[in-house]
Structures are given as structure tokens and as C-alpha cells.
Amino acid sequence: MKFWKKLSVSLAVAALGISAVAPSVSAASVNSELKNKGELTIGLEGTYAPFSYRKDGKLTGFEVELGKAVAKKMGLKAKFVPTKWDSLIAGLGSGKFDVVMNDITPTPQRAKQYNYSEPYIQSHYVLIMKDNANFTSIKDVKGKKVAAGTGTDNEKIAKKFGAKTVPAADFASGLDLVRQGRVQAEVNSKEAWSIYAKKHDTKGLKMIDISDDQKPAPISAMFNKKTPAIESAYNKALKEVQADGTVKKLSEKYFGTDITE
């Protein structure tokens, strides 16, 4: 079963511009481009636990630690640039970052301009609402107002099921819209909700897992198509931290389970 699952993922990501095999670019080219500055610049939000967030004033999270591990394998130091979601992808295009790691799902539209690494986790989706709401599945959002980040996969899912989407700057902002009654629900990551619920008061809210109607999404790093040397070196390093068990350990640490497959 796992063989066919891995095969289907490989075929899907290949269609979305993801390098199953690293490009034929010499290590020397990336060395001259990056090692002079000694850094791998990584764009992320920094406000989206458990992927990237601040704890006691220090940036941490699954993709923060993964970024550090990959950069180390590349012989570099990870430099993180916290950026609002609506500026992240544009920043990659303008060369502000070498890579973006921000719970990103490859899509055909984005693949026209950007490339992706192999997926490193599978993210699940949930629908969050007031506890007196009578939604039983994602299908119930048809014609309802649903909070989601502009241009995100959450927005795409809500629209797919007929919702009227309302922009939310981030996960917490979407929950505020739900609490205020300005929207009926929010679509977001199960992993983000689980961490939020452990640390914040969620009285008056509930969530339902929508996996029966919306399959988990592969999460990858994103690259500018103009930087194949960076992409090649990153992909090689990622494979090494996948093979040595680092990604699995980080998944268990931040998500409480292994969601690498």
C-alpha cells in the first residue's frame, strides 16, 4: 500500500514542477552563490504554530528546525526572514529569500512560476466554527461565509465547496472572525489547530476533521525558478535529513505523530 501511495505522490509532484531528481547542477555553483555569504535565507510567517512561531521571544517550530537542519547539511547557517503571508511568495520572486518554508502545498498555478522540493510532510485540514454551529462536514459551508488566507489552499478548499470566502491575515485572525460572528467557519490546518488549542482558550469553538472530503496535502519548500543551484543543493540536503530520521523526529516533536508519509 505504501509503495502505491509513494508512487502516486511522486507522479503528482512531478506534474507540479517538483524535482524528484535534483537538477544537474554542480555543487560549486551553489557554493559560489551562497557560501560567500554563508547563509540560506528562508522566508516564513513566524506566526503560524507549530510550523514557525516565537516561544519566549525566540523563533522556533517544525519548519524552523527543519530549515536549520537542511542549511547545516549544505554547510550554511539558516537566516529566517519573518514575513506576512501576502508578501512571502512575491518576496521569493524578487530574490528576497533563497527559499520559502511555510506549510506550502504545490499547486499547478504556482508551479508556473516556482519550483518545489519533494514533500516533507502531509498536512490535514479542519473546519473550525462556533460550538453551536450545526455543520457536520465541509459540504455544509456552501453559501456560508468562511475565513481563509488570500491565495492559500484553505481559501481554495472553501471555494471548492461553495463557500463565500472572507480574507484572514493569519490563523488567529480567522478565529477572531468566527468568534465575532462575521464568518460561520474557518478552514485551516489540523496541526495548527491542535497546537493552538493546547495553548489558548477555545471555549465556544469546535472543529471537525474534513479528511473524508478533503485529502491531506503534501507540504514542500518553494524555490524561484531562476535559482536552480540553490534548489539542487537544498533537495540533496533534504534527502539526507529525511534518510537519517531527522524529519520524522521533528514531526513527532511538533505534531505529536509522524506525518511524513
Protein backbone atom coordinates (compact mmCIF):
# COMPACT_ATOMS: atom_id res chain seq x y z
CA MET A 1 0.00 0.00 0.00
CA LYS A 2 2.81 2.41 0.93
CA PHE A 3 4.51 1.72 -2.39
CA TRP A 4 1.45 2.85 -4.36
CA LYS A 5 0.99 5.85 -2.08
CA LYS A 6 4.58 6.95 -2.62
CA LEU A 7 4.30 6.31 -6.34
CA SER A 8 1.14 8.41 -6.65
CA VAL A 9 2.74 11.28 -4.71
CA SER A 10 5.85 11.11 -6.92
CA LEU A 11 3.76 11.29 -10.07
CA ALA A 12 1.69 14.17 -8.73
CA VAL A 13 4.63 16.28 -7.63
CA ALA A 14 6.41 15.71 -10.90
CA ALA A 15 3.44 17.26 -12.66
CA LEU A 16 3.72 20.30 -10.39
CA GLY A 17 7.34 21.14 -11.12
CA ILE A 18 8.80 19.31 -8.12
CA SER A 19 12.22 17.80 -8.56
CA ALA A 20 12.08 14.10 -7.77
CA VAL A 21 15.62 14.04 -9.09
CA ALA A 22 17.85 17.00 -8.35
CA PRO A 23 18.75 19.17 -11.36
CA SER A 24 22.13 18.54 -12.95
CA VAL A 25 23.90 21.50 -11.34
CA SER A 26 27.37 21.32 -9.85
CA ALA A 27 27.83 21.91 -6.12
CA ALA A 28 30.46 24.51 -6.99
CA SER A 29 27.84 26.82 -8.49
CA VAL A 30 25.78 26.93 -5.33
CA ASN A 31 28.93 27.24 -3.24
CA SER A 32 29.96 30.40 -5.05
CA GLU A 33 26.41 31.79 -4.83
CA LEU A 34 25.69 31.05 -1.19
CA LYS A 35 28.82 30.16 0.71
CA ASN A 36 30.33 33.59 0.22
CA LYS A 37 27.56 34.93 2.45
CA GLY A 38 27.41 31.71 4.48
CA GLU A 39 23.64 31.80 4.78
CA LEU A 40 20.49 30.20 3.42
CA THR A 41 17.79 32.86 3.60
CA ILE A 42 14.42 31.32 4.43
CA GLY A 43 11.12 33.18 4.19
CA LEU A 44 8.30 32.20 6.58
CA GLU A 45 5.50 33.82 8.56
CA GLY A 46 6.83 33.19 12.05
CA THR A 47 3.30 33.43 13.49
CA TYR A 48 1.93 30.03 12.47
CA ALA A 49 2.48 27.39 15.15
CA PRO A 50 3.64 24.66 15.02
CA PHE A 51 5.33 25.43 11.69
CA SER A 52 7.07 28.67 12.72
CA TYR A 53 6.36 30.79 15.78
CA ARG A 54 8.00 32.53 18.73
CA LYS A 55 8.50 30.90 22.10
CA ASP A 56 9.96 33.08 24.84
CA GLY A 57 10.86 35.56 22.11
CA LYS A 58 12.82 33.01 20.08
CA LEU A 59 11.76 31.77 16.63
CA THR A 60 11.06 28.04 16.66
CA GLY A 61 8.79 25.44 15.07
CA PHE A 62 8.86 22.46 12.74
CA GLU A 63 9.94 24.33 9.61
CA VAL A 64 12.40 26.46 11.59
CA GLU A 65 14.23 23.40 12.89
CA LEU A 66 13.96 21.66 9.52
CA GLY A 67 15.37 24.75 7.81
CA LYS A 68 18.32 24.77 10.21
CA ALA A 69 18.97 21.06 9.63
CA VAL A 70 18.89 21.42 5.83
CA ALA A 71 21.10 24.53 5.88
CA LYS A 72 23.63 22.74 8.09
CA LYS A 73 23.85 19.87 5.60
CA MET A 74 24.51 22.50 2.92
CA GLY A 75 27.36 23.92 5.01
CA LEU A 76 25.38 27.10 5.69
CA LYS A 77 23.61 28.89 8.52
CA ALA A 78 19.85 29.38 8.25
CA LYS A 79 18.72 33.00 8.24
CA PHE A 80 14.98 33.40 8.77
CA VAL A 81 13.02 36.39 7.50
CA PRO A 82 9.54 36.53 9.09
CA THR A 83 7.13 37.96 6.51
CA LYS A 84 3.37 38.29 6.21
CA TRP A 85 1.79 35.63 4.01
CA ASP A 86 0.65 38.03 1.28
CA SER A 87 4.28 39.14 0.75
CA LEU A 88 6.04 35.78 1.05
CA ILE A 89 5.70 34.47 -2.48
CA ALA A 90 6.35 37.90 -4.01
CA GLY A 91 9.50 38.12 -1.88
CA LEU A 92 10.73 34.82 -3.29
CA GLY A 93 10.13 36.09 -6.80
CA SER A 94 12.08 39.28 -6.14
CA GLY A 95 15.04 37.43 -4.63
CA LYS A 96 14.45 38.48 -1.02
CA PHE A 97 14.65 34.81 0.04
CA ASP A 98 16.50 31.75 -1.24
CA VAL A 99 13.57 29.51 -0.30
CA VAL A 100 10.15 29.75 1.36
CA MET A 101 9.14 27.20 4.02
CA ASN A 102 5.63 27.98 5.23
CA ASP A 103 3.27 24.97 5.16
CA ILE A 104 3.00 25.38 1.39
CA THR A 105 1.16 22.96 -0.88
CA PRO A 106 2.30 22.75 -4.53
CA THR A 107 -0.38 23.86 -6.99
CA PRO A 108 -0.42 23.95 -10.81
CA GLN A 109 -0.88 27.73 -10.75
CA ARG A 110 2.14 28.37 -8.53
CA ALA A 111 4.20 25.81 -10.45
CA LYS A 112 4.11 28.12 -13.47
CA GLN A 113 6.47 30.48 -11.65
CA TYR A 114 8.06 28.43 -8.86
CA ASN A 115 9.59 25.02 -8.21
CA TYR A 116 9.16 22.77 -5.19
CA SER A 117 11.12 20.29 -3.14
CA GLU A 118 9.86 16.78 -2.54
CA PRO A 119 7.12 16.90 0.13
CA TYR A 120 8.39 16.53 3.70
CA ILE A 121 5.02 16.16 5.50
CA GLN A 122 1.34 15.60 4.74
CA SER A 123 -0.87 18.31 6.25
CA HIS A 124 -4.52 17.67 7.22
CA TYR A 125 -7.44 20.11 7.10
CA VAL A 126 -10.15 21.01 9.59
CA LEU A 127 -13.21 23.25 9.72
CA ILE A 128 -13.41 25.46 12.83
CA MET A 129 -16.68 27.04 13.96
CA LYS A 130 -18.70 28.12 16.99
CA ASP A 131 -19.70 25.19 19.16
CA ASN A 132 -23.39 25.80 18.48
CA ALA A 133 -22.95 25.64 14.70
CA ASN A 134 -24.67 22.68 13.06
CA PHE A 135 -22.02 21.93 10.42
CA THR A 136 -21.26 18.22 10.14
CA SER A 137 -18.90 18.31 7.13
CA ILE A 138 -17.11 20.71 4.80
CA LYS A 139 -20.05 20.33 2.42
CA ASP A 140 -22.16 22.41 4.80
CA VAL A 141 -20.18 25.60 4.01
CA LYS A 142 -21.96 26.06 0.69
CA GLY A 143 -23.27 29.63 0.57
CA LYS A 144 -21.75 30.43 4.00
CA LYS A 145 -19.02 32.92 4.89
CA VAL A 146 -15.72 31.17 5.65
CA ALA A 147 -12.43 32.77 6.74
CA ALA A 148 -9.24 31.86 4.84
CA GLY A 149 -5.98 33.50 3.88
CA THR A 150 -5.99 35.07 0.42
CA GLY A 151 -4.31 32.82 -2.13
CA THR A 152 -3.97 29.92 0.32
CA ASP A 153 -5.04 26.33 -0.14
CA ASN A 154 -7.52 26.91 2.69
CA GLU A 155 -9.24 29.52 0.52
CA LYS A 156 -9.20 27.17 -2.47
CA ILE A 157 -10.83 24.38 -0.45
CA ALA A 158 -13.53 26.67 0.96
CA LYS A 159 -14.38 27.90 -2.54
CA LYS A 160 -14.39 24.36 -3.92
CA PHE A 161 -17.21 23.52 -1.54
CA GLY A 162 -19.18 26.67 -2.40
CA ALA A 163 -18.27 28.98 0.48
CA LYS A 164 -18.08 32.76 0.28
CA THR A 165 -14.54 33.39 1.49
CA VAL A 166 -13.56 36.28 3.74
CA PRO A 167 -9.83 37.22 3.89
CA ALA A 168 -8.00 36.48 7.15
CA ALA A 169 -4.48 37.80 7.71
CA ASP A 170 -3.46 34.69 9.66
CA PHE A 171 -4.82 31.74 11.61
CA ALA A 172 -5.66 33.68 14.79
CA SER A 173 -7.35 36.46 12.80
CA GLY A 174 -9.60 33.88 11.18
CA LEU A 175 -10.61 32.57 14.59
CA ASP A 176 -11.44 36.12 15.69
CA LEU A 177 -13.77 36.45 12.70
CA VAL A 178 -15.50 33.23 13.76
CA ARG A 179 -15.87 34.39 17.38
CA GLN A 180 -17.25 37.76 16.26
CA GLY A 181 -19.82 36.06 14.05
CA ARG A 182 -18.51 37.79 10.94
CA VAL A 183 -17.97 34.37 9.35
CA GLN A 184 -19.51 30.98 10.07
CA ALA A 185 -16.27 28.99 9.98
CA GLU A 186 -12.57 28.89 9.14
CA VAL A 187 -10.71 26.31 7.07
CA ASN A 188 -7.18 25.66 8.28
CA SER A 189 -4.54 23.11 9.20
CA LYS A 190 -5.35 20.41 11.75
CA GLU A 191 -1.80 20.70 13.03
CA ALA A 192 -2.14 24.45 13.61
CA TRP A 193 -5.48 24.00 15.42
CA SER A 194 -4.08 21.24 17.67
CA ILE A 195 -1.22 23.42 18.89
CA TYR A 196 -3.43 26.49 19.26
CA ALA A 197 -5.99 24.55 21.32
CA LYS A 198 -3.29 23.43 23.76
CA LYS A 199 -2.12 26.97 24.46
CA HIS A 200 -5.23 29.15 24.14
CA ASP A 201 -8.77 29.29 25.38
CA THR A 202 -11.01 27.75 22.71
CA LYS A 203 -14.22 27.97 24.72
CA GLY A 204 -17.11 28.49 22.36
CA LEU A 205 -15.29 26.90 19.40
CA LYS A 206 -15.18 23.42 17.93
CA MET A 207 -13.58 21.77 14.95
CA ILE A 208 -14.37 18.89 12.63
CA ASP A 209 -11.82 16.91 10.64
CA ILE A 210 -12.68 17.10 6.94
CA SER A 211 -10.35 14.32 5.78
CA ASP A 212 -13.27 12.29 4.42
CA ASP A 213 -13.95 15.02 1.86
CA GLN A 214 -10.54 16.69 1.52
CA LYS A 215 -7.43 14.54 1.42
CA PRO A 216 -4.22 15.63 3.21
CA ALA A 217 -1.93 17.94 1.29
CA PRO A 218 1.80 17.43 0.58
CA ILE A 219 3.90 20.25 2.05
CA SER A 220 7.08 21.38 0.26
CA ALA A 221 9.66 24.13 0.18
CA MET A 222 9.30 26.65 -2.65
CA PHE A 223 12.06 27.99 -4.94
CA ASN A 224 12.48 30.69 -7.55
CA LYS A 225 12.92 29.01 -10.95
CA LYS A 226 15.89 31.30 -11.55
CA THR A 227 17.95 29.67 -8.76
CA PRO A 228 18.38 26.02 -9.80
CA ALA A 229 21.70 25.69 -7.96
CA ILE A 230 20.07 26.58 -4.64
CA GLU A 231 17.21 24.20 -5.38
CA SER A 232 19.59 21.36 -6.24
CA ALA A 233 21.68 21.78 -3.09
CA TYR A 234 18.59 22.10 -0.89
CA ASN A 235 16.99 18.96 -2.36
CA LYS A 236 20.16 16.95 -1.77
CA ALA A 237 20.35 18.12 1.84
CA LEU A 238 16.63 17.46 2.39
CA LYS A 239 17.01 13.87 1.23
CA GLU A 240 19.82 13.42 3.74
CA VAL A 241 17.76 14.67 6.70
CA GLN A 242 14.84 12.53 5.57
CA ALA A 243 17.08 9.47 5.34
CA ASP A 244 18.72 9.96 8.74
CA GLY A 245 15.38 10.25 10.54
CA THR A 246 15.61 13.97 11.36
CA VAL A 247 12.35 14.91 9.62
CA LYS A 248 10.43 12.10 11.31
CA LYS A 249 11.76 13.14 14.74
CA LEU A 250 10.79 16.78 14.14
CA SER A 251 7.33 15.70 13.00
CA GLU A 252 6.82 13.71 16.20
CA LYS A 253 8.17 16.59 18.29
CA TYR A 254 5.94 19.31 16.84
CA PHE A 255 2.85 17.39 15.65
CA GLY A 256 2.81 14.58 18.19
CA THR A 257 2.91 11.98 15.42
CA ASP A 258 4.73 11.05 12.22
CA ILE A 259 3.02 12.81 9.30
CA THR A 260 5.93 12.45 6.89
CA GLU A 261 4.00 9.88 4.80
